[in-house]
Amino acid sequence: MDDSLHETFWAWALNRYETRALRDCLLALQDSSGLVVVQALLYAWLAERGRQLTSDEVKTLECTMAPWVAHILQPLRRQRVVWRDGEEYTRLYAEALQLELEAEKALAKLLCDCLTPSHSGSVSISAESNLCLITALSAPDDLDSLIAAFGQ
């Protein structure tokens, strides 16, 4: 994907993340199931654009995402959480939150760059058709709650 599509996705993702019910669901699943929020947002956005992911694309996306999440996002998030509870760390917490957001944006670009150009359909498809491909969502209730949150 080109940079303009990455930027289009990122703007859409930030807008959707502002929906409180969706944000709460994404964060709860991140904590309980290891959901990668950017992955869920990307899969839903692609569905909205009429793009059904293939199993090969999902494998490529997950292989690309795994080291970034393990070595960049999770350590940043762990440190930010430590700083959340201390008044003396207010500035560091805010900076870590901004850095985590930038790392998620970089991950979004990495994922978008993995996708082969495709002629997206003119009609959106069900978000479920892509969201069900997220391997972190092993419990059926997790997938159901995520699908419902995207529907709001």
C-alpha atoms as a PDB file:
ATOM      1  CA  MET A   1       0.000   0.000   0.000  1.00  0.00           C
ATOM      2  CA  ASP A   2       1.163   3.510  -0.598  1.00  0.00           C
ATOM      3  CA  ASP A   3       1.606   6.150   2.086  1.00  0.00           C
ATOM      4  CA  SER A   4      -1.681   7.847   1.272  1.00  0.00           C
ATOM      5  CA  LEU A   5      -3.581   4.646   2.042  1.00  0.00           C
ATOM      6  CA  HIS A   6      -1.618   4.246   5.264  1.00  0.00           C
ATOM      7  CA  GLU A   7      -2.523   7.819   6.220  1.00  0.00           C
ATOM      8  CA  THR A   8      -6.159   7.205   5.261  1.00  0.00           C
ATOM      9  CA  PHE A   9      -6.213   4.125   7.458  1.00  0.00           C
ATOM     10  CA  TRP A  10      -4.542   5.933  10.355  1.00  0.00           C
ATOM     11  CA  ALA A  11      -7.047   8.809  10.227  1.00  0.00           C
ATOM     12  CA  TRP A  12      -9.920   6.297  10.137  1.00  0.00           C
ATOM     13  CA  ALA A  13      -8.402   4.327  13.031  1.00  0.00           C
ATOM     14  CA  LEU A  14      -7.994   7.404  15.233  1.00  0.00           C
ATOM     15  CA  ASN A  15     -11.568   8.427  14.486  1.00  0.00           C
ATOM     16  CA  ARG A  16     -12.987   4.977  15.292  1.00  0.00           C
ATOM     17  CA  TYR A  17     -10.856   4.734  18.440  1.00  0.00           C
ATOM     18  CA  GLU A  18     -12.658   7.802  19.763  1.00  0.00           C
ATOM     19  CA  THR A  19     -15.822   5.687  20.074  1.00  0.00           C
ATOM     20  CA  ARG A  20     -15.796   4.922  23.788  1.00  0.00           C
ATOM     21  CA  ALA A  21     -17.443   1.482  23.579  1.00  0.00           C
ATOM     22  CA  LEU A  22     -15.042   0.354  20.856  1.00  0.00           C
ATOM     23  CA  ARG A  23     -11.985   1.737  22.663  1.00  0.00           C
ATOM     24  CA  ASP A  24     -13.030   0.053  25.925  1.00  0.00           C
ATOM     25  CA  CYS A  25     -13.548  -3.264  24.133  1.00  0.00           C
ATOM     26  CA  LEU A  26     -10.211  -3.053  22.293  1.00  0.00           C
ATOM     27  CA  LEU A  27      -8.303  -2.244  25.476  1.00  0.00           C
ATOM     28  CA  ALA A  28     -10.063  -4.973  27.476  1.00  0.00           C
ATOM     29  CA  LEU A  29      -9.211  -7.554  24.799  1.00  0.00           C
ATOM     30  CA  GLN A  30      -5.652  -6.234  24.632  1.00  0.00           C
ATOM     31  CA  ASP A  31      -5.306  -6.899  28.369  1.00  0.00           C
ATOM     32  CA  SER A  32      -7.167 -10.211  28.498  1.00  0.00           C
ATOM     33  CA  SER A  33      -6.295 -11.859  25.165  1.00  0.00           C
ATOM     34  CA  GLY A  34      -3.239 -10.082  23.837  1.00  0.00           C
ATOM     35  CA  LEU A  35      -5.204  -8.432  21.034  1.00  0.00           C
ATOM     36  CA  VAL A  36      -3.120  -6.000  18.996  1.00  0.00           C
ATOM     37  CA  VAL A  37      -5.400  -2.975  18.673  1.00  0.00           C
ATOM     38  CA  VAL A  38      -3.879  -1.786  15.394  1.00  0.00           C
ATOM     39  CA  GLN A  39      -4.449  -5.226  13.878  1.00  0.00           C
ATOM     40  CA  ALA A  40      -8.140  -5.244  14.802  1.00  0.00           C
ATOM     41  CA  LEU A  41      -8.607  -1.713  13.478  1.00  0.00           C
ATOM     42  CA  LEU A  42      -6.802  -2.555  10.224  1.00  0.00           C
ATOM     43  CA  TYR A  43      -8.836  -5.699   9.644  1.00  0.00           C
ATOM     44  CA  ALA A  44     -12.110  -3.841  10.243  1.00  0.00           C
ATOM     45  CA  TRP A  45     -11.023  -0.970   7.971  1.00  0.00           C
ATOM     46  CA  LEU A  46     -10.105  -3.375   5.191  1.00  0.00           C
ATOM     47  CA  ALA A  47     -13.512  -5.032   5.512  1.00  0.00           C
ATOM     48  CA  GLU A  48     -15.190  -1.643   5.314  1.00  0.00           C
ATOM     49  CA  ARG A  49     -13.271  -1.073   2.081  1.00  0.00           C
ATOM     50  CA  GLY A  50     -14.463  -4.433   0.709  1.00  0.00           C
ATOM     51  CA  ARG A  51     -11.142  -6.246   1.190  1.00  0.00           C
ATOM     52  CA  GLN A  52     -11.263  -9.846   2.401  1.00  0.00           C
ATOM     53  CA  LEU A  53      -7.908 -10.929   3.792  1.00  0.00           C
ATOM     54  CA  THR A  54      -6.449 -14.227   2.643  1.00  0.00           C
ATOM     55  CA  SER A  55      -4.840 -16.710   5.003  1.00  0.00           C
ATOM     56  CA  ASP A  56      -1.442 -15.968   3.422  1.00  0.00           C
ATOM     57  CA  GLU A  57      -1.907 -12.241   4.052  1.00  0.00           C
ATOM     58  CA  VAL A  58      -2.849 -12.917   7.666  1.00  0.00           C
ATOM     59  CA  LYS A  59       0.284 -15.039   8.150  1.00  0.00           C
ATOM     60  CA  THR A  60       2.452 -12.309   6.639  1.00  0.00           C
ATOM     61  CA  LEU A  61       0.811  -9.631   8.786  1.00  0.00           C
ATOM     62  CA  GLU A  62       1.234 -11.674  11.965  1.00  0.00           C
ATOM     63  CA  CYS A  63       4.891 -12.488  11.199  1.00  0.00           C
ATOM     64  CA  THR A  64       5.574  -8.805  10.580  1.00  0.00           C
ATOM     65  CA  MET A  65       3.684  -7.702  13.656  1.00  0.00           C
ATOM     66  CA  ALA A  66       5.020 -10.183  16.226  1.00  0.00           C
ATOM     67  CA  PRO A  67       8.562  -8.820  16.698  1.00  0.00           C
ATOM     68  CA  TRP A  68       7.362  -5.191  16.685  1.00  0.00           C
ATOM     69  CA  VAL A  69       4.786  -5.948  19.349  1.00  0.00           C
ATOM     70  CA  ALA A  70       7.155  -8.039  21.473  1.00  0.00           C
ATOM     71  CA  HIS A  71      10.184  -5.749  21.310  1.00  0.00           C
ATOM     72  CA  ILE A  72       8.661  -2.286  20.938  1.00  0.00           C
ATOM     73  CA  LEU A  73       4.993  -2.003  21.922  1.00  0.00           C
ATOM     74  CA  GLN A  74       4.803  -4.307  24.919  1.00  0.00           C
ATOM     75  CA  PRO A  75       7.909  -2.919  26.668  1.00  0.00           C
ATOM     76  CA  LEU A  76       6.679   0.651  26.087  1.00  0.00           C
ATOM     77  CA  ARG A  77       3.242  -0.250  27.432  1.00  0.00           C
ATOM     78  CA  ARG A  78       4.658  -2.010  30.494  1.00  0.00           C
ATOM     79  CA  GLN A  79       6.797   1.012  31.383  1.00  0.00           C
ATOM     80  CA  ARG A  80       3.948   3.448  30.768  1.00  0.00           C
ATOM     81  CA  VAL A  81       1.719   1.471  33.138  1.00  0.00           C
ATOM     82  CA  VAL A  82       4.414   1.644  35.836  1.00  0.00           C
ATOM     83  CA  TRP A  83       4.541   5.425  35.458  1.00  0.00           C
ATOM     84  CA  ARG A  84       0.744   5.823  35.463  1.00  0.00           C
ATOM     85  CA  ASP A  85       0.449   5.488  39.231  1.00  0.00           C
ATOM     86  CA  GLY A  86       3.009   7.988  40.474  1.00  0.00           C
ATOM     87  CA  GLU A  87       2.547  11.741  40.574  1.00  0.00           C
ATOM     88  CA  GLU A  88       6.286  12.180  40.152  1.00  0.00           C
ATOM     89  CA  TYR A  89       6.037  10.360  36.822  1.00  0.00           C
ATOM     90  CA  THR A  90       3.237  12.430  35.238  1.00  0.00           C
ATOM     91  CA  ARG A  91       5.465  13.922  32.527  1.00  0.00           C
ATOM     92  CA  LEU A  92       7.138  10.579  31.766  1.00  0.00           C
ATOM     93  CA  TYR A  93       3.740   8.864  31.578  1.00  0.00           C
ATOM     94  CA  ALA A  94       2.488  11.422  29.046  1.00  0.00           C
ATOM     95  CA  GLU A  95       5.663  11.097  26.971  1.00  0.00           C
ATOM     96  CA  ALA A  96       5.475   7.295  27.055  1.00  0.00           C
ATOM     97  CA  LEU A  97       1.830   7.440  25.956  1.00  0.00           C
ATOM     98  CA  GLN A  98       2.798   9.623  22.983  1.00  0.00           C
ATOM     99  CA  LEU A  99       5.707   7.340  22.128  1.00  0.00           C
ATOM    100  CA  GLU A 100       3.421   4.300  22.291  1.00  0.00           C
ATOM    101  CA  LEU A 101       0.997   6.001  19.891  1.00  0.00           C
ATOM    102  CA  GLU A 102       3.864   6.732  17.477  1.00  0.00           C
ATOM    103  CA  ALA A 103       4.982   3.094  17.728  1.00  0.00           C
ATOM    104  CA  GLU A 104       1.437   1.974  16.905  1.00  0.00           C
ATOM    105  CA  LYS A 105       1.381   4.318  13.915  1.00  0.00           C
ATOM    106  CA  ALA A 106       4.701   2.844  12.737  1.00  0.00           C
ATOM    107  CA  LEU A 107       3.230  -0.649  13.160  1.00  0.00           C
ATOM    108  CA  ALA A 108       0.218   0.410  11.092  1.00  0.00           C
ATOM    109  CA  LYS A 109       2.566   1.478   8.292  1.00  0.00           C
ATOM    110  CA  LEU A 110       4.507  -1.786   8.506  1.00  0.00           C
ATOM    111  CA  LEU A 111       1.266  -3.749   8.233  1.00  0.00           C
ATOM    112  CA  CYS A 112      -0.080  -1.643   5.378  1.00  0.00           C
ATOM    113  CA  ASP A 113       3.206  -2.093   3.523  1.00  0.00           C
ATOM    114  CA  CYS A 114       2.774  -5.882   3.747  1.00  0.00           C
ATOM    115  CA  LEU A 115      -0.468  -5.865   1.837  1.00  0.00           C
ATOM    116  CA  THR A 116      -0.396  -6.502  -1.864  1.00  0.00           C
ATOM    117  CA  PRO A 117      -2.254  -3.984  -3.990  1.00  0.00           C
ATOM    118  CA  SER A 118      -5.802  -5.091  -4.393  1.00  0.00           C
ATOM    119  CA  HIS A 119      -8.860  -3.782  -6.012  1.00  0.00           C
ATOM    120  CA  SER A 120     -11.069  -3.370  -2.995  1.00  0.00           C
ATOM    121  CA  GLY A 121     -14.701  -4.052  -3.532  1.00  0.00           C
ATOM    122  CA  SER A 122     -17.068  -1.152  -3.879  1.00  0.00           C
ATOM    123  CA  VAL A 123     -19.267  -2.613  -1.162  1.00  0.00           C
ATOM    124  CA  SER A 124     -18.024  -3.177   2.362  1.00  0.00           C
ATOM    125  CA  ILE A 125     -18.002  -6.686   3.739  1.00  0.00           C
ATOM    126  CA  SER A 126     -18.786  -7.761   7.266  1.00  0.00           C
ATOM    127  CA  ALA A 127     -16.014  -6.830   9.682  1.00  0.00           C
ATOM    128  CA  GLU A 128     -16.476 -10.323  11.129  1.00  0.00           C
ATOM    129  CA  SER A 129     -15.060 -11.870   7.964  1.00  0.00           C
ATOM    130  CA  ASN A 130     -11.658 -10.306   8.712  1.00  0.00           C
ATOM    131  CA  LEU A 131     -11.826 -10.018  12.508  1.00  0.00           C
ATOM    132  CA  CYS A 132     -12.396 -13.776  12.864  1.00  0.00           C
ATOM    133  CA  LEU A 133      -8.881 -14.241  11.422  1.00  0.00           C
ATOM    134  CA  ILE A 134      -7.200 -12.669  14.474  1.00  0.00           C
ATOM    135  CA  THR A 135      -5.564 -15.572  16.279  1.00  0.00           C
ATOM    136  CA  ALA A 136      -5.403 -13.773  19.658  1.00  0.00           C
ATOM    137  CA  LEU A 137      -9.187 -14.004  19.825  1.00  0.00           C
ATOM    138  CA  SER A 138      -9.457 -17.653  20.737  1.00  0.00           C
ATOM    139  CA  ALA A 139     -12.567 -17.339  22.901  1.00  0.00           C
ATOM    140  CA  PRO A 140     -15.831 -16.984  20.930  1.00  0.00           C
ATOM    141  CA  ASP A 141     -17.087 -14.342  23.360  1.00  0.00           C
ATOM    142  CA  ASP A 142     -14.032 -12.187  22.610  1.00  0.00           C
ATOM    143  CA  LEU A 143     -14.797 -12.171  18.896  1.00  0.00           C
ATOM    144  CA  ASP A 144     -18.498 -11.527  19.516  1.00  0.00           C
ATOM    145  CA  SER A 145     -17.786  -8.552  21.765  1.00  0.00           C
ATOM    146  CA  LEU A 146     -15.302  -7.100  19.269  1.00  0.00           C
ATOM    147  CA  ILE A 147     -17.741  -7.460  16.363  1.00  0.00           C
ATOM    148  CA  ALA A 148     -20.476  -5.835  18.446  1.00  0.00           C
ATOM    149  CA  ALA A 149     -18.173  -2.954  19.429  1.00  0.00           C
ATOM    150  CA  PHE A 150     -17.277  -2.241  15.807  1.00  0.00           C
ATOM    151  CA  GLY A 151     -20.986  -2.244  15.000  1.00  0.00           C
ATOM    152  CA  GLN A 152     -21.682   0.635  17.386  1.00  0.00           C
END
